[in-house]
Structure formats: C-alpha cells, structure tokens
Amino acid sequence: MVRFVIGALAGGLAVWFWGDELRRLVDAKTRDVRTMAAEKLQAVEDKAADVLDRTKEQVSSTLQAGQDAIRPRMG
C-alpha cells in the first residue's frame, strides 16, 4: 500500500513539474495517427457515398421498370 501511495505521489509530482511538456510530447506523437485516422474516415465516407449513389440509381431503375411493366398500355 505504501508503494502505491509513493507511486501516486511521484506520478502527481511528475505531471505537476512536466505536465506541459508531456502534453506537447503526446500531442506531437499522436498528430500523425489522428491525421491518418481522419484520412481513412474521409475515404470511407467517399466510398459509402459512391455505393449509396449507385444503389439509388439501381433502385430507381428497378422501380421505373416495375411501373412500366404494370402500367396499362394505351392503344
């Protein structure tokens, strides 16, 4: 239990003394990861939009064909 308390105190002191530097270090190290994640999300969004557009066209075409098939013919 004493070791835990000493470790917690040491961690608290480290954050108190070097907190700003630690935050800058973490920010610098994770910036590339966050950028890559954002780019991947953009790629997924673009692909999903493309798939939805194609699906919409197919559904629209199928519905139009169904309407044409059941519509009474004149003449």
PDB file of N, CA and C in Angstrom:
ATOM      1  N   MET A   1       0.828  -1.197   0.000  1.00  0.00           N
ATOM      2  CA  MET A   1       0.000   0.000   0.000  1.00  0.00           C
ATOM      3  C   MET A   1       0.866   1.253   0.000  1.00  0.00           C
ATOM      4  N   VAL A   2       1.962   1.187   0.733  1.00  0.00           N
ATOM      5  CA  VAL A   2       2.868   2.331   0.808  1.00  0.00           C
ATOM      6  C   VAL A   2       3.482   2.594  -0.564  1.00  0.00           C
ATOM      7  N   ARG A   3       3.823   1.526  -1.288  1.00  0.00           N
ATOM      8  CA  ARG A   3       4.406   1.687  -2.627  1.00  0.00           C
ATOM      9  C   ARG A   3       3.409   2.366  -3.570  1.00  0.00           C
ATOM     10  N   PHE A   4       2.134   1.984  -3.448  1.00  0.00           N
ATOM     11  CA  PHE A   4       1.114   2.600  -4.288  1.00  0.00           C
ATOM     12  C   PHE A   4       1.011   4.099  -4.018  1.00  0.00           C
ATOM     13  N   VAL A   5       1.005   4.472  -2.760  1.00  0.00           N
ATOM     14  CA  VAL A   5       0.911   5.886  -2.381  1.00  0.00           C
ATOM     15  C   VAL A   5       2.133   6.640  -2.873  1.00  0.00           C
ATOM     16  N   ILE A   6       3.305   6.060  -2.707  1.00  0.00           N
ATOM     17  CA  ILE A   6       4.541   6.710  -3.178  1.00  0.00           C
ATOM     18  C   ILE A   6       4.515   6.851  -4.701  1.00  0.00           C
ATOM     19  N   GLY A   7       4.043   5.812  -5.401  1.00  0.00           N
ATOM     20  CA  GLY A   7       3.938   5.885  -6.862  1.00  0.00           C
ATOM     21  C   GLY A   7       2.954   6.951  -7.308  1.00  0.00           C
ATOM     22  N   ALA A   8       1.822   7.045  -6.617  1.00  0.00           N
ATOM     23  CA  ALA A   8       0.838   8.067  -6.951  1.00  0.00           C
ATOM     24  C   ALA A   8       1.400   9.464  -6.707  1.00  0.00           C
ATOM     25  N   LEU A   9       2.105   9.634  -5.614  1.00  0.00           N
ATOM     26  CA  LEU A   9       2.724  10.936  -5.333  1.00  0.00           C
ATOM     27  C   LEU A   9       3.776  11.275  -6.382  1.00  0.00           C
ATOM     28  N   ALA A  10       4.608  10.294  -6.732  1.00  0.00           N
ATOM     29  CA  ALA A  10       5.642  10.533  -7.745  1.00  0.00           C
ATOM     30  C   ALA A  10       5.003  10.885  -9.090  1.00  0.00           C
ATOM     31  N   GLY A  11       3.929  10.182  -9.470  1.00  0.00           N
ATOM     32  CA  GLY A  11       3.235  10.482 -10.719  1.00  0.00           C
ATOM     33  C   GLY A  11       2.628  11.877 -10.698  1.00  0.00           C
ATOM     34  N   GLY A  12       2.025  12.228  -9.581  1.00  0.00           N
ATOM     35  CA  GLY A  12       1.446  13.563  -9.448  1.00  0.00           C
ATOM     36  C   GLY A  12       2.490  14.652  -9.547  1.00  0.00           C
ATOM     37  N   LEU A  13       3.629  14.431  -8.912  1.00  0.00           N
ATOM     38  CA  LEU A  13       4.720  15.410  -8.988  1.00  0.00           C
ATOM     39  C   LEU A  13       5.264  15.531 -10.414  1.00  0.00           C
ATOM     40  N   ALA A  14       5.391  14.388 -11.086  1.00  0.00           N
ATOM     41  CA  ALA A  14       5.890  14.414 -12.469  1.00  0.00           C
ATOM     42  C   ALA A  14       4.947  15.222 -13.356  1.00  0.00           C
ATOM     43  N   VAL A  15       3.649  15.005 -13.194  1.00  0.00           N
ATOM     44  CA  VAL A  15       2.682  15.753 -14.001  1.00  0.00           C
ATOM     45  C   VAL A  15       2.731  17.234 -13.637  1.00  0.00           C
ATOM     46  N   TRP A  16       2.872  17.521 -12.367  1.00  0.00           N
ATOM     47  CA  TRP A  16       2.922  18.915 -11.921  1.00  0.00           C
ATOM     48  C   TRP A  16       4.145  19.629 -12.491  1.00  0.00           C
ATOM     49  N   PHE A  17       5.316  18.960 -12.459  1.00  0.00           N
ATOM     50  CA  PHE A  17       6.544  19.579 -12.954  1.00  0.00           C
ATOM     51  C   PHE A  17       6.612  19.601 -14.481  1.00  0.00           C
ATOM     52  N   TRP A  18       6.276  18.473 -15.115  1.00  0.00           N
ATOM     53  CA  TRP A  18       6.484  18.330 -16.555  1.00  0.00           C
ATOM     54  C   TRP A  18       5.185  18.175 -17.332  1.00  0.00           C
ATOM     55  N   GLY A  19       4.071  18.579 -16.768  1.00  0.00           N
ATOM     56  CA  GLY A  19       2.768  18.378 -17.417  1.00  0.00           C
ATOM     57  C   GLY A  19       2.669  18.999 -18.792  1.00  0.00           C
ATOM     58  N   ASP A  20       3.110  20.251 -18.944  1.00  0.00           N
ATOM     59  CA  ASP A  20       3.027  20.919 -20.249  1.00  0.00           C
ATOM     60  C   ASP A  20       3.895  20.219 -21.283  1.00  0.00           C
ATOM     61  N   GLU A  21       5.089  19.835 -20.868  1.00  0.00           N
ATOM     62  CA  GLU A  21       5.981  19.133 -21.803  1.00  0.00           C
ATOM     63  C   GLU A  21       5.411  17.774 -22.181  1.00  0.00           C
ATOM     64  N   LEU A  22       4.834  17.077 -21.224  1.00  0.00           N
ATOM     65  CA  LEU A  22       4.226  15.781 -21.520  1.00  0.00           C
ATOM     66  C   LEU A  22       3.049  15.939 -22.484  1.00  0.00           C
ATOM     67  N   ARG A  23       2.237  16.966 -22.292  1.00  0.00           N
ATOM     68  CA  ARG A  23       1.105  17.203 -23.197  1.00  0.00           C
ATOM     69  C   ARG A  23       1.590  17.503 -24.614  1.00  0.00           C
ATOM     70  N   ARG A  24       2.628  18.327 -24.729  1.00  0.00           N
ATOM     71  CA  ARG A  24       3.180  18.636 -26.063  1.00  0.00           C
ATOM     72  C   ARG A  24       3.746  17.382 -26.721  1.00  0.00           C
ATOM     73  N   LEU A  25       4.430  16.559 -25.945  1.00  0.00           N
ATOM     74  CA  LEU A  25       5.007  15.327 -26.476  1.00  0.00           C
ATOM     75  C   LEU A  25       3.904  14.390 -26.973  1.00  0.00           C
ATOM     76  N   VAL A  26       2.875  14.201 -26.163  1.00  0.00           N
ATOM     77  CA  VAL A  26       1.768  13.328 -26.558  1.00  0.00           C
ATOM     78  C   VAL A  26       1.070  13.889 -27.784  1.00  0.00           C
ATOM     79  N   ASP A  27       0.850  15.179 -27.828  1.00  0.00           N
ATOM     80  CA  ASP A  27       0.197  15.803 -28.978  1.00  0.00           C
ATOM     81  C   ASP A  27       1.021  15.602 -30.241  1.00  0.00           C
ATOM     82  N   ALA A  28       2.321  15.785 -30.140  1.00  0.00           N
ATOM     83  CA  ALA A  28       3.194  15.623 -31.306  1.00  0.00           C
ATOM     84  C   ALA A  28       3.213  14.172 -31.787  1.00  0.00           C
ATOM     85  N   LYS A  29       3.220  13.230 -30.861  1.00  0.00           N
ATOM     86  CA  LYS A  29       3.294  11.814 -31.234  1.00  0.00           C
ATOM     87  C   LYS A  29       1.974  11.305 -31.796  1.00  0.00           C
ATOM     88  N   THR A  30       0.859  11.854 -31.360  1.00  0.00           N
ATOM     89  CA  THR A  30      -0.432  11.361 -31.830  1.00  0.00           C
ATOM     90  C   THR A  30      -0.969  12.133 -33.023  1.00  0.00           C
ATOM     91  N   ARG A  31      -0.340  13.229 -33.393  1.00  0.00           N
ATOM     92  CA  ARG A  31      -0.825  14.032 -34.516  1.00  0.00           C
ATOM     93  C   ARG A  31      -0.877  13.216 -35.802  1.00  0.00           C
ATOM     94  N   ASP A  32       0.174  12.453 -36.087  1.00  0.00           N
ATOM     95  CA  ASP A  32       0.201  11.651 -37.311  1.00  0.00           C
ATOM     96  C   ASP A  32      -0.887  10.582 -37.292  1.00  0.00           C
ATOM     97  N   VAL A  33      -1.084   9.963 -36.144  1.00  0.00           N
ATOM     98  CA  VAL A  33      -2.112   8.928 -36.028  1.00  0.00           C
ATOM     99  C   VAL A  33      -3.496   9.534 -36.246  1.00  0.00           C
ATOM    100  N   ARG A  34      -3.739  10.692 -35.652  1.00  0.00           N
ATOM    101  CA  ARG A  34      -5.039  11.348 -35.821  1.00  0.00           C
ATOM    102  C   ARG A  34      -5.248  11.760 -37.272  1.00  0.00           C
ATOM    103  N   THR A  35      -4.199  12.232 -37.930  1.00  0.00           N
ATOM    104  CA  THR A  35      -4.302  12.622 -39.338  1.00  0.00           C
ATOM    105  C   THR A  35      -4.632  11.413 -40.209  1.00  0.00           C
ATOM    106  N   MET A  36      -3.948  10.298 -39.964  1.00  0.00           N
ATOM    107  CA  MET A  36      -4.222   9.087 -40.739  1.00  0.00           C
ATOM    108  C   MET A  36      -5.651   8.602 -40.499  1.00  0.00           C
ATOM    109  N   ALA A  37      -6.109   8.657 -39.263  1.00  0.00           N
ATOM    110  CA  ALA A  37      -7.471   8.225 -38.953  1.00  0.00           C
ATOM    111  C   ALA A  37      -8.490   9.112 -39.660  1.00  0.00           C
ATOM    112  N   ALA A  38      -8.244  10.414 -39.682  1.00  0.00           N
ATOM    113  CA  ALA A  38      -9.152  11.337 -40.365  1.00  0.00           C
ATOM    114  C   ALA A  38      -9.177  11.054 -41.865  1.00  0.00           C
ATOM    115  N   GLU A  39      -8.025  10.750 -42.446  1.00  0.00           N
ATOM    116  CA  GLU A  39      -7.966  10.440 -43.877  1.00  0.00           C
ATOM    117  C   GLU A  39      -8.706   9.147 -44.189  1.00  0.00           C
ATOM    118  N   LYS A  40      -8.575   8.153 -43.324  1.00  0.00           N
ATOM    119  CA  LYS A  40      -9.280   6.877 -43.523  1.00  0.00           C
ATOM    120  C   LYS A  40     -10.791   7.093 -43.425  1.00  0.00           C
ATOM    121  N   LEU A  41     -11.221   7.900 -42.458  1.00  0.00           N
ATOM    122  CA  LEU A  41     -12.646   8.187 -42.328  1.00  0.00           C
ATOM    123  C   LEU A  41     -13.174   8.909 -43.567  1.00  0.00           C
ATOM    124  N   GLN A  42     -12.395   9.805 -44.124  1.00  0.00           N
ATOM    125  CA  GLN A  42     -12.798  10.503 -45.347  1.00  0.00           C
ATOM    126  C   GLN A  42     -12.928   9.521 -46.499  1.00  0.00           C
ATOM    127  N   ALA A  43     -11.987   8.574 -46.593  1.00  0.00           N
ATOM    128  CA  ALA A  43     -12.046   7.576 -47.659  1.00  0.00           C
ATOM    129  C   ALA A  43     -13.290   6.700 -47.509  1.00  0.00           C
ATOM    130  N   VAL A  44     -13.618   6.320 -46.284  1.00  0.00           N
ATOM    131  CA  VAL A  44     -14.819   5.522 -46.040  1.00  0.00           C
ATOM    132  C   VAL A  44     -16.063   6.314 -46.416  1.00  0.00           C
ATOM    133  N   GLU A  45     -16.086   7.588 -46.047  1.00  0.00           N
ATOM    134  CA  GLU A  45     -17.231   8.434 -46.396  1.00  0.00           C
ATOM    135  C   GLU A  45     -17.402   8.523 -47.912  1.00  0.00           C
ATOM    136  N   ASP A  46     -16.300   8.726 -48.630  1.00  0.00           N
ATOM    137  CA  ASP A  46     -16.369   8.830 -50.089  1.00  0.00           C
ATOM    138  C   ASP A  46     -16.874   7.535 -50.710  1.00  0.00           C
ATOM    139  N   LYS A  47     -16.359   6.410 -50.226  1.00  0.00           N
ATOM    140  CA  LYS A  47     -16.771   5.103 -50.758  1.00  0.00           C
ATOM    141  C   LYS A  47     -18.244   4.854 -50.457  1.00  0.00           C
ATOM    142  N   ALA A  48     -18.678   5.169 -49.240  1.00  0.00           N
ATOM    143  CA  ALA A  48     -20.078   4.966 -48.866  1.00  0.00           C
ATOM    144  C   ALA A  48     -20.999   5.832 -49.729  1.00  0.00           C
ATOM    145  N   ALA A  49     -20.604   7.060 -49.991  1.00  0.00           N
ATOM    146  CA  ALA A  49     -21.409   7.946 -50.827  1.00  0.00           C
ATOM    147  C   ALA A  49     -21.527   7.376 -52.237  1.00  0.00           C
ATOM    148  N   ASP A  50     -20.420   6.834 -52.759  1.00  0.00           N
ATOM    149  CA  ASP A  50     -20.425   6.244 -54.094  1.00  0.00           C
ATOM    150  C   ASP A  50     -21.357   5.029 -54.139  1.00  0.00           C
ATOM    151  N   VAL A  51     -21.258   4.172 -53.139  1.00  0.00           N
ATOM    152  CA  VAL A  51     -22.108   2.978 -53.086  1.00  0.00           C
ATOM    153  C   VAL A  51     -23.577   3.380 -52.970  1.00  0.00           C
ATOM    154  N   LEU A  52     -23.870   4.352 -52.141  1.00  0.00           N
ATOM    155  CA  LEU A  52     -25.255   4.804 -51.987  1.00  0.00           C
ATOM    156  C   LEU A  52     -25.802   5.401 -53.284  1.00  0.00           C
ATOM    157  N   ASP A  53     -24.973   6.153 -53.985  1.00  0.00           N
ATOM    158  CA  ASP A  53     -25.406   6.725 -55.265  1.00  0.00           C
ATOM    159  C   ASP A  53     -25.740   5.629 -56.271  1.00  0.00           C
ATOM    160  N   ARG A  54     -24.843   4.628 -56.362  1.00  0.00           N
ATOM    161  CA  ARG A  54     -25.102   3.533 -57.305  1.00  0.00           C
ATOM    162  C   ARG A  54     -26.340   2.743 -56.908  1.00  0.00           C
ATOM    163  N   THR A  55     -26.516   2.518 -55.626  1.00  0.00           N
ATOM    164  CA  THR A  55     -27.686   1.786 -55.140  1.00  0.00           C
ATOM    165  C   THR A  55     -28.955   2.563 -55.439  1.00  0.00           C
ATOM    166  N   LYS A  56     -28.912   3.870 -55.224  1.00  0.00           N
ATOM    167  CA  LYS A  56     -30.077   4.713 -55.512  1.00  0.00           C
ATOM    168  C   LYS A  56     -30.452   4.619 -56.988  1.00  0.00           C
ATOM    169  N   GLU A  57     -29.455   4.647 -57.866  1.00  0.00           N
ATOM    170  CA  GLU A  57     -29.711   4.542 -59.304  1.00  0.00           C
ATOM    171  C   GLU A  57     -30.338   3.190 -59.642  1.00  0.00           C
ATOM    172  N   GLN A  58     -29.829   2.117 -59.038  1.00  0.00           N
ATOM    173  CA  GLN A  58     -30.363   0.788 -59.316  1.00  0.00           C
ATOM    174  C   GLN A  58     -31.800   0.650 -58.817  1.00  0.00           C
ATOM    175  N   VAL A  59     -32.070   1.149 -57.624  1.00  0.00           N
ATOM    176  CA  VAL A  59     -33.431   1.079 -57.079  1.00  0.00           C
ATOM    177  C   VAL A  59     -34.375   1.899 -57.944  1.00  0.00           C
ATOM    178  N   SER A  60     -33.943   3.073 -58.327  1.00  0.00           N
ATOM    179  CA  SER A  60     -34.774   3.945 -59.159  1.00  0.00           C
ATOM    180  C   SER A  60     -35.076   3.268 -60.493  1.00  0.00           C
ATOM    181  N   SER A  61     -34.075   2.670 -61.098  1.00  0.00           N
ATOM    182  CA  SER A  61     -34.246   1.991 -62.380  1.00  0.00           C
ATOM    183  C   SER A  61     -35.193   0.799 -62.240  1.00  0.00           C
ATOM    184  N   THR A  62     -35.044   0.031 -61.169  1.00  0.00           N
ATOM    185  CA  THR A  62     -35.908  -1.125 -60.938  1.00  0.00           C
ATOM    186  C   THR A  62     -37.355  -0.692 -60.714  1.00  0.00           C
ATOM    187  N   LEU A  63     -37.543   0.355 -59.936  1.00  0.00           N
ATOM    188  CA  LEU A  63     -38.896   0.855 -59.696  1.00  0.00           C
ATOM    189  C   LEU A  63     -39.532   1.367 -60.990  1.00  0.00           C
ATOM    190  N   GLN A  64     -38.754   2.058 -61.796  1.00  0.00           N
ATOM    191  CA  GLN A  64     -39.269   2.560 -63.080  1.00  0.00           C
ATOM    192  C   GLN A  64     -39.664   1.400 -63.978  1.00  0.00           C
ATOM    193  N   ALA A  65     -38.851   0.356 -64.023  1.00  0.00           N
ATOM    194  CA  ALA A  65     -39.169  -0.815 -64.843  1.00  0.00           C
ATOM    195  C   ALA A  65     -40.444  -1.487 -64.333  1.00  0.00           C
ATOM    196  N   GLY A  66     -40.605  -1.545 -63.007  1.00  0.00           N
ATOM    197  CA  GLY A  66     -41.825  -2.125 -62.440  1.00  0.00           C
ATOM    198  C   GLY A  66     -43.049  -1.309 -62.797  1.00  0.00           C
ATOM    199  N   GLN A  67     -42.931  -0.002 -62.733  1.00  0.00           N
ATOM    200  CA  GLN A  67     -44.050   0.865 -63.103  1.00  0.00           C
ATOM    201  C   GLN A  67     -44.410   0.682 -64.572  1.00  0.00           C
ATOM    202  N   ASP A  68     -43.395   0.615 -65.419  1.00  0.00           N
ATOM    203  CA  ASP A  68     -43.641   0.432 -66.852  1.00  0.00           C
ATOM    204  C   ASP A  68     -44.305  -0.910 -67.130  1.00  0.00           C
ATOM    205  N   ALA A  69     -43.937  -1.935 -66.367  1.00  0.00           N
ATOM    206  CA  ALA A  69     -44.492  -3.272 -66.584  1.00  0.00           C
ATOM    207  C   ALA A  69     -45.961  -3.361 -66.170  1.00  0.00           C
ATOM    208  N   ILE A  70     -46.363  -2.635 -65.150  1.00  0.00           N
ATOM    209  CA  ILE A  70     -47.749  -2.764 -64.682  1.00  0.00           C
ATOM    210  C   ILE A  70     -48.658  -1.655 -65.182  1.00  0.00           C
ATOM    211  N   ARG A  71     -48.118  -0.630 -65.803  1.00  0.00           N
ATOM    212  CA  ARG A  71     -48.940   0.474 -66.315  1.00  0.00           C
ATOM    213  C   ARG A  71     -49.742  -0.004 -67.515  1.00  0.00           C
ATOM    214  N   PRO A  72     -51.032   0.297 -67.514  1.00  0.00           N
ATOM    215  CA  PRO A  72     -51.851  -0.100 -68.674  1.00  0.00           C
ATOM    216  C   PRO A  72     -51.360   0.591 -69.949  1.00  0.00           C
ATOM    217  N   ARG A  73     -51.361  -0.146 -71.009  1.00  0.00           N
ATOM    218  CA  ARG A  73     -50.883   0.390 -72.294  1.00  0.00           C
ATOM    219  C   ARG A  73     -52.051   0.998 -73.057  1.00  0.00           C
ATOM    220  N   MET A  74     -51.751   2.097 -73.672  1.00  0.00           N
ATOM    221  CA  MET A  74     -52.770   2.787 -74.464  1.00  0.00           C
ATOM    222  C   MET A  74     -52.718   2.247 -75.901  1.00  0.00           C
ATOM    223  N   GLY A  75     -53.853   1.928 -76.430  1.00  0.00           N
ATOM    224  CA  GLY A  75     -53.929   1.677 -77.836  1.00  0.00           C
ATOM    225  C   GLY A  75     -53.924   0.317 -78.269  1.00  0.00           C
TER     226      GLY A  75
END
